[in-house]
Amino acid sequence: MDFAGLLALMQKRRSTRSFTKTPIDKDTIEEMIQAAVLAPSVENTQPWRFHVVTNKELMHELMNISCYGNFESEVGTFIVVTCDRSAQAAVDLGPIWNPKEMEYSCAGAMYGLMLAAAAKGLSSCWVSLHHGPAHNILKLKDHQIVIGAVMIGHATQEDGMPHDRKATSSVIEWHA
């Protein structure tokens, strides 16, 4: 894929909040996660864990603790991404000087998951969760930190949320 193809894919991705009830098959979910794990991670720790939620009751419970609450529970799949703070680097380079970087790595994987969904012709949306309740609902271990979730499915509307972006010139500061 050239730059124009990458840019087109990124422009195709939308934050959608209204989905059909059509489930996403396991192979498609695994392929999207295969793309997400290609994200860079601090010292190659690959600290992400993907909790694929297809149980409608559990999904509804998680939707109820979303930070903004304007989501619906009818979506093909709901993937909660956590950071495994016990993850180790492939090569021991000593302690990670900023453990938050492991969480940032997981955020990059979430974006990769959303781009993979767009490449598959699916819609997605990042969901911010209240971490304590989500941690308890999923019965996570203490070393797992909830980063957020991604809803993925077939949109009931074409474009989802507005995708207007600021002009590139308004977000660049040159330090020459």
Protein backbone atom coordinates (compact mmCIF):
# COMPACT_ATOMS: atom_id res chain seq x y z
CA MET A 1 0.00 0.00 0.00
CA ASP A 2 1.32 3.42 -0.87
CA PHE A 3 0.82 6.61 1.13
CA ALA A 4 -2.34 7.55 -0.77
CA GLY A 5 -3.86 4.14 0.07
CA LEU A 6 -2.95 4.52 3.74
CA LEU A 7 -4.41 8.02 3.85
CA ALA A 8 -7.62 6.79 2.17
CA LEU A 9 -7.96 4.01 4.77
CA MET A 10 -7.43 6.46 7.62
CA GLN A 11 -10.03 8.82 6.13
CA LYS A 12 -12.48 5.90 5.76
CA ARG A 13 -12.32 5.11 9.49
CA ARG A 14 -15.18 6.68 11.41
CA SER A 15 -16.32 6.72 15.02
CA THR A 16 -19.69 5.04 14.77
CA ARG A 17 -22.13 4.74 17.64
CA SER A 18 -25.05 2.97 15.98
CA PHE A 19 -24.68 -0.60 14.77
CA THR A 20 -26.76 -3.46 13.41
CA LYS A 21 -27.09 -6.66 15.45
CA THR A 22 -24.99 -8.61 12.92
CA PRO A 23 -22.25 -10.50 14.78
CA ILE A 24 -18.63 -10.45 13.63
CA ASP A 25 -17.20 -13.91 13.02
CA LYS A 26 -14.29 -15.19 15.09
CA ASP A 27 -11.86 -15.36 12.14
CA THR A 28 -12.46 -11.69 11.30
CA ILE A 29 -11.94 -10.69 14.93
CA GLU A 30 -8.69 -12.65 15.09
CA GLU A 31 -7.46 -11.09 11.82
CA MET A 32 -8.13 -7.59 13.15
CA ILE A 33 -6.29 -8.39 16.38
CA GLN A 34 -3.45 -9.83 14.28
CA ALA A 35 -3.11 -6.35 12.75
CA ALA A 36 -3.39 -4.61 16.14
CA VAL A 37 -0.49 -6.54 17.66
CA LEU A 38 1.82 -5.12 14.99
CA ALA A 39 1.74 -1.82 16.88
CA PRO A 40 5.01 -0.66 18.40
CA SER A 41 5.43 -1.17 22.12
CA VAL A 42 7.93 0.08 24.66
CA GLU A 43 10.93 -2.28 24.66
CA ASN A 44 8.81 -4.73 22.64
CA THR A 45 6.87 -5.71 25.76
CA GLN A 46 3.65 -6.15 23.75
CA PRO A 47 1.65 -5.56 26.94
CA TRP A 48 -1.80 -5.57 25.32
CA ARG A 49 -4.50 -8.09 26.07
CA PHE A 50 -7.71 -8.19 24.05
CA HIS A 51 -10.85 -9.27 25.92
CA VAL A 52 -13.42 -10.08 23.21
CA VAL A 53 -16.91 -9.67 24.64
CA THR A 54 -19.75 -11.18 22.63
CA ASN A 55 -22.06 -11.98 25.58
CA LYS A 56 -24.85 -9.39 25.27
CA GLU A 57 -25.48 -9.13 29.03
CA LEU A 58 -21.81 -8.53 29.75
CA MET A 59 -21.59 -6.09 26.85
CA HIS A 60 -24.60 -4.17 28.20
CA GLU A 61 -23.04 -4.06 31.67
CA LEU A 62 -19.82 -2.62 30.20
CA MET A 63 -21.73 -0.10 28.09
CA ASN A 64 -23.44 1.14 31.26
CA ILE A 65 -20.05 2.14 32.70
CA SER A 66 -18.81 3.94 29.61
CA CYS A 67 -17.60 7.42 30.48
CA TYR A 68 -19.83 9.23 28.00
CA GLY A 69 -22.80 6.87 27.98
CA ASN A 70 -24.05 7.54 24.46
CA PHE A 71 -23.38 4.07 23.13
CA GLU A 72 -25.77 1.28 22.40
CA SER A 73 -25.26 -2.36 23.25
CA GLU A 74 -26.24 -3.68 19.82
CA VAL A 75 -22.87 -4.13 18.20
CA GLY A 76 -21.14 -7.05 16.48
CA THR A 77 -18.38 -7.25 19.06
CA PHE A 78 -16.94 -5.31 21.94
CA ILE A 79 -13.22 -5.63 22.65
CA VAL A 80 -11.79 -4.38 25.92
CA VAL A 81 -8.07 -3.68 25.74
CA THR A 82 -6.02 -3.99 28.88
CA CYS A 83 -2.38 -3.40 29.65
CA ASP A 84 -0.58 -6.27 31.33
CA ARG A 85 1.85 -4.37 33.54
CA SER A 86 3.67 -7.63 34.28
CA ALA A 87 4.73 -7.97 30.62
CA GLN A 88 8.47 -8.28 30.15
CA ALA A 89 10.71 -6.99 27.40
CA ALA A 90 12.06 -9.56 24.96
CA VAL A 91 15.57 -8.46 25.96
CA ASP A 92 16.10 -7.31 29.54
CA LEU A 93 17.26 -3.71 29.33
CA GLY A 94 16.50 -2.97 32.96
CA PRO A 95 13.39 -1.34 34.37
CA ILE A 96 11.14 0.64 32.07
CA TRP A 97 11.75 4.22 33.12
CA ASN A 98 8.12 5.26 32.51
CA PRO A 99 5.62 2.40 33.03
CA LYS A 100 2.88 4.58 31.48
CA GLU A 101 4.56 3.88 28.14
CA MET A 102 3.16 0.36 28.31
CA GLU A 103 -0.32 1.88 28.43
CA TYR A 104 0.53 4.20 25.52
CA SER A 105 1.61 1.11 23.57
CA CYS A 106 -1.85 -0.37 24.12
CA ALA A 107 -3.49 2.81 22.83
CA GLY A 108 -1.49 2.39 19.62
CA ALA A 109 -2.74 -1.19 19.33
CA MET A 110 -6.32 0.05 19.75
CA TYR A 111 -5.87 2.43 16.82
CA GLY A 112 -4.45 -0.44 14.78
CA LEU A 113 -7.56 -2.45 15.64
CA MET A 114 -9.78 0.39 14.44
CA LEU A 115 -7.86 0.73 11.17
CA ALA A 116 -8.10 -3.04 10.63
CA ALA A 117 -11.87 -2.79 11.12
CA ALA A 118 -12.04 -0.04 8.48
CA ALA A 119 -9.97 -2.18 6.10
CA LYS A 120 -12.52 -4.99 6.62
CA GLY A 121 -15.39 -2.64 5.76
CA LEU A 122 -16.53 -2.46 9.39
CA SER A 123 -17.17 0.50 11.63
CA SER A 124 -15.73 1.07 15.07
CA CYS A 125 -15.63 3.44 17.99
CA TRP A 126 -13.29 3.89 20.94
CA VAL A 127 -15.16 3.53 24.23
CA SER A 128 -13.74 5.02 27.42
CA LEU A 129 -14.66 2.94 30.45
CA HIS A 130 -14.65 3.74 34.15
CA HIS A 131 -11.65 1.59 34.96
CA GLY A 132 -12.52 0.30 38.43
CA PRO A 133 -15.95 -1.07 37.52
CA ALA A 134 -14.68 -2.52 34.20
CA HIS A 135 -11.81 -4.19 36.02
CA ASN A 136 -14.27 -5.80 38.43
CA ILE A 137 -16.83 -6.82 35.79
CA LEU A 138 -14.16 -8.64 33.78
CA LYS A 139 -12.57 -10.09 36.95
CA LEU A 140 -9.14 -8.92 35.86
CA LYS A 141 -5.94 -9.58 37.75
CA ASP A 142 -4.38 -6.67 39.63
CA HIS A 143 -1.59 -6.20 37.07
CA GLN A 144 -4.08 -5.62 34.24
CA ILE A 145 -5.10 -2.00 33.63
CA VAL A 146 -8.15 -1.17 31.49
CA ILE A 147 -7.13 1.12 28.63
CA GLY A 148 -10.49 1.27 26.86
CA ALA A 149 -12.69 -0.68 24.53
CA VAL A 150 -13.49 -0.76 20.84
CA MET A 151 -16.97 -1.44 19.47
CA ILE A 152 -16.78 -3.05 16.03
CA GLY A 153 -19.68 -3.85 13.77
CA HIS A 154 -21.80 -2.91 10.79
CA ALA A 155 -22.96 0.70 11.00
CA THR A 156 -26.63 1.55 10.72
CA GLN A 157 -25.63 4.87 9.19
CA GLU A 158 -23.11 5.58 6.45
CA ASP A 159 -20.69 8.06 8.00
CA GLY A 160 -21.01 7.80 11.75
CA MET A 161 -19.79 10.86 13.61
CA PRO A 162 -18.47 13.91 11.74
CA HIS A 163 -14.93 13.39 10.56
CA ASP A 164 -13.90 17.00 10.10
CA ARG A 165 -10.25 17.56 10.93
CA LYS A 166 -8.27 20.68 11.65
CA ALA A 167 -6.01 21.97 8.91
CA THR A 168 -2.56 20.43 9.13
CA SER A 169 -1.02 23.91 9.27
CA SER A 170 -2.94 24.61 12.51
CA VAL A 171 -1.46 21.66 14.39
CA ILE A 172 2.21 21.87 13.38
CA GLU A 173 4.78 23.84 15.32
CA TRP A 174 8.21 23.90 13.68
CA HIS A 175 11.33 24.03 15.86
CA ALA A 176 14.12 24.63 13.40
